[in-house]
Amino acid sequence: MTKLEELTALLVNEINDFKIEVEKLENIKNQINNTKIKMDLIEYKSIIEAHQKDMSLHLESINRFERRFENQIKQAKIYPVWAVVVFIVSILFGVISVVYVLLDK
């Protein structure tokens, strides 16, 4: 009978220990549920600000390139001015020559 008493006493002790551990876990669960997590955004804010500065610099360089490209397009000419003038003069000379030859006959 002493063995049975020892086993029941041991079982009662284990049940009490289990009950205490369950209560501790409930307390921890309540603490976790009541705890509010605050995020520290200072590092992220500085990273985002640096990224914004980089993006504004890139945007500015893209705008400069676009303006330069547009100016190049506006100033681009297929033929140089002297070649166009020589062509027009030669056409006029040819037309005048043909008219002169036709009127001279």
C-alpha atoms as a PDB file:
ATOM      1  CA  MET A   1       0.000   0.000   0.000  1.00  0.00           C
ATOM      2  CA  THR A   2       2.887   2.294   0.578  1.00  0.00           C
ATOM      3  CA  LYS A   3       3.822   2.015  -3.061  1.00  0.00           C
ATOM      4  CA  LEU A   4       0.320   3.122  -4.018  1.00  0.00           C
ATOM      5  CA  GLU A   5       0.505   6.036  -1.621  1.00  0.00           C
ATOM      6  CA  GLU A   6       3.890   7.051  -2.977  1.00  0.00           C
ATOM      7  CA  LEU A   7       2.585   6.911  -6.524  1.00  0.00           C
ATOM      8  CA  THR A   8      -0.481   8.985  -5.690  1.00  0.00           C
ATOM      9  CA  ALA A   9       1.636  11.526  -3.811  1.00  0.00           C
ATOM     10  CA  LEU A  10       3.985  11.705  -6.783  1.00  0.00           C
ATOM     11  CA  LEU A  11       1.030  12.051  -9.147  1.00  0.00           C
ATOM     12  CA  VAL A  12      -0.473  14.811  -6.997  1.00  0.00           C
ATOM     13  CA  ASN A  13       2.881  16.660  -6.956  1.00  0.00           C
ATOM     14  CA  GLU A  14       3.183  16.360 -10.729  1.00  0.00           C
ATOM     15  CA  ILE A  15      -0.383  17.608 -11.213  1.00  0.00           C
ATOM     16  CA  ASN A  16       0.303  20.579  -8.922  1.00  0.00           C
ATOM     17  CA  ASP A  17       3.541  21.372 -10.788  1.00  0.00           C
ATOM     18  CA  PHE A  18       1.682  21.106 -14.101  1.00  0.00           C
ATOM     19  CA  LYS A  19      -1.030  23.439 -12.800  1.00  0.00           C
ATOM     20  CA  ILE A  20       1.593  25.979 -11.685  1.00  0.00           C
ATOM     21  CA  GLU A  21       3.329  25.809 -15.093  1.00  0.00           C
ATOM     22  CA  VAL A  22      -0.006  26.267 -16.904  1.00  0.00           C
ATOM     23  CA  GLU A  23      -0.709  29.355 -14.778  1.00  0.00           C
ATOM     24  CA  LYS A  24       2.751  30.727 -15.609  1.00  0.00           C
ATOM     25  CA  LEU A  25       2.102  30.151 -19.302  1.00  0.00           C
ATOM     26  CA  GLU A  26      -1.256  31.926 -19.023  1.00  0.00           C
ATOM     27  CA  ASN A  27       0.467  34.893 -17.380  1.00  0.00           C
ATOM     28  CA  ILE A  28       3.078  34.980 -20.127  1.00  0.00           C
ATOM     29  CA  LYS A  29       0.327  34.755 -22.765  1.00  0.00           C
ATOM     30  CA  ASN A  30      -1.521  37.670 -21.167  1.00  0.00           C
ATOM     31  CA  GLN A  31       1.692  39.711 -21.045  1.00  0.00           C
ATOM     32  CA  ILE A  32       2.354  38.988 -24.704  1.00  0.00           C
ATOM     33  CA  ASN A  33      -1.203  39.952 -25.669  1.00  0.00           C
ATOM     34  CA  ASN A  34      -0.962  43.194 -23.691  1.00  0.00           C
ATOM     35  CA  THR A  35       2.486  44.108 -24.986  1.00  0.00           C
ATOM     36  CA  LYS A  36       2.477  46.595 -27.821  1.00  0.00           C
ATOM     37  CA  ILE A  37       5.427  46.561 -30.155  1.00  0.00           C
ATOM     38  CA  LYS A  38       6.825  49.908 -31.191  1.00  0.00           C
ATOM     39  CA  MET A  39       8.902  49.983 -34.331  1.00  0.00           C
ATOM     40  CA  ASP A  40      12.050  52.048 -34.514  1.00  0.00           C
ATOM     41  CA  LEU A  41      11.886  53.721 -37.921  1.00  0.00           C
ATOM     42  CA  ILE A  42      14.832  56.076 -37.542  1.00  0.00           C
ATOM     43  CA  GLU A  43      17.181  53.857 -39.576  1.00  0.00           C
ATOM     44  CA  TYR A  44      14.585  53.293 -42.272  1.00  0.00           C
ATOM     45  CA  LYS A  45      13.780  56.996 -42.413  1.00  0.00           C
ATOM     46  CA  SER A  46      17.418  57.881 -43.070  1.00  0.00           C
ATOM     47  CA  ILE A  47      17.663  55.168 -45.751  1.00  0.00           C
ATOM     48  CA  ILE A  48      14.492  56.437 -47.426  1.00  0.00           C
ATOM     49  CA  GLU A  49      15.738  60.036 -47.331  1.00  0.00           C
ATOM     50  CA  ALA A  50      19.040  59.005 -48.910  1.00  0.00           C
ATOM     51  CA  HIS A  51      17.129  57.084 -51.571  1.00  0.00           C
ATOM     52  CA  GLN A  52      14.924  60.102 -52.263  1.00  0.00           C
ATOM     53  CA  LYS A  53      18.019  62.285 -52.714  1.00  0.00           C
ATOM     54  CA  ASP A  54      19.503  59.738 -55.113  1.00  0.00           C
ATOM     55  CA  MET A  55      16.268  59.547 -57.065  1.00  0.00           C
ATOM     56  CA  SER A  56      16.002  63.339 -57.318  1.00  0.00           C
ATOM     57  CA  LEU A  57      19.598  63.501 -58.601  1.00  0.00           C
ATOM     58  CA  HIS A  58      18.850  60.818 -61.169  1.00  0.00           C
ATOM     59  CA  LEU A  59      15.672  62.599 -62.230  1.00  0.00           C
ATOM     60  CA  GLU A  60      17.584  65.846 -62.575  1.00  0.00           C
ATOM     61  CA  SER A  61      20.267  64.204 -64.719  1.00  0.00           C
ATOM     62  CA  ILE A  62      17.600  62.580 -66.903  1.00  0.00           C
ATOM     63  CA  ASN A  63      15.923  65.970 -67.385  1.00  0.00           C
ATOM     64  CA  ARG A  64      19.288  67.553 -68.340  1.00  0.00           C
ATOM     65  CA  PHE A  65      19.941  64.763 -70.830  1.00  0.00           C
ATOM     66  CA  GLU A  66      16.459  65.184 -72.292  1.00  0.00           C
ATOM     67  CA  ARG A  67      16.938  68.954 -72.717  1.00  0.00           C
ATOM     68  CA  ARG A  68      20.352  68.421 -74.341  1.00  0.00           C
ATOM     69  CA  PHE A  69      18.894  65.784 -76.648  1.00  0.00           C
ATOM     70  CA  GLU A  70      16.002  68.056 -77.639  1.00  0.00           C
ATOM     71  CA  ASN A  71      18.454  70.901 -78.378  1.00  0.00           C
ATOM     72  CA  GLN A  72      20.559  68.558 -80.499  1.00  0.00           C
ATOM     73  CA  ILE A  73      17.453  67.479 -82.425  1.00  0.00           C
ATOM     74  CA  LYS A  74      16.411  71.100 -82.984  1.00  0.00           C
ATOM     75  CA  GLN A  75      19.862  72.032 -84.221  1.00  0.00           C
ATOM     76  CA  ALA A  76      20.298  68.912 -86.340  1.00  0.00           C
ATOM     77  CA  LYS A  77      20.307  69.494 -90.067  1.00  0.00           C
ATOM     78  CA  ILE A  78      20.465  66.886 -92.786  1.00  0.00           C
ATOM     79  CA  TYR A  79      22.546  69.027 -95.143  1.00  0.00           C
ATOM     80  CA  PRO A  80      24.879  71.884 -94.292  1.00  0.00           C
ATOM     81  CA  VAL A  81      23.728  75.376 -95.249  1.00  0.00           C
ATOM     82  CA  TRP A  82      26.480  75.892 -97.846  1.00  0.00           C
ATOM     83  CA  ALA A  83      25.460  72.682 -99.664  1.00  0.00           C
ATOM     84  CA  VAL A  84      21.827  73.810 -99.828  1.00  0.00           C
ATOM     85  CA  VAL A  85      22.841  77.238-101.156  1.00  0.00           C
ATOM     86  CA  VAL A  86      25.091  75.686-103.835  1.00  0.00           C
ATOM     87  CA  PHE A  87      22.292  73.325-104.856  1.00  0.00           C
ATOM     88  CA  ILE A  88      19.730  76.137-105.176  1.00  0.00           C
ATOM     89  CA  VAL A  89      22.192  78.291-107.138  1.00  0.00           C
ATOM     90  CA  SER A  90      22.977  75.397-109.486  1.00  0.00           C
ATOM     91  CA  ILE A  91      19.267  74.711-110.047  1.00  0.00           C
ATOM     92  CA  LEU A  92      18.680  78.401-110.782  1.00  0.00           C
ATOM     93  CA  PHE A  93      21.675  78.469-113.118  1.00  0.00           C
ATOM     94  CA  GLY A  94      20.379  75.366-114.901  1.00  0.00           C
ATOM     95  CA  VAL A  95      16.854  76.786-115.275  1.00  0.00           C
ATOM     96  CA  ILE A  96      18.194  80.127-116.509  1.00  0.00           C
ATOM     97  CA  SER A  97      20.464  78.320-118.981  1.00  0.00           C
ATOM     98  CA  VAL A  98      17.585  76.233-120.344  1.00  0.00           C
ATOM     99  CA  VAL A  99      15.357  79.299-120.636  1.00  0.00           C
ATOM    100  CA  TYR A 100      18.160  81.230-122.372  1.00  0.00           C
ATOM    101  CA  VAL A 101      18.760  78.407-124.836  1.00  0.00           C
ATOM    102  CA  LEU A 102      15.054  78.092-125.585  1.00  0.00           C
ATOM    103  CA  LEU A 103      14.551  81.832-126.043  1.00  0.00           C
ATOM    104  CA  ASP A 104      17.700  82.185-128.116  1.00  0.00           C
ATOM    105  CA  LYS A 105      16.433  79.883-130.846  1.00  0.00           C
END
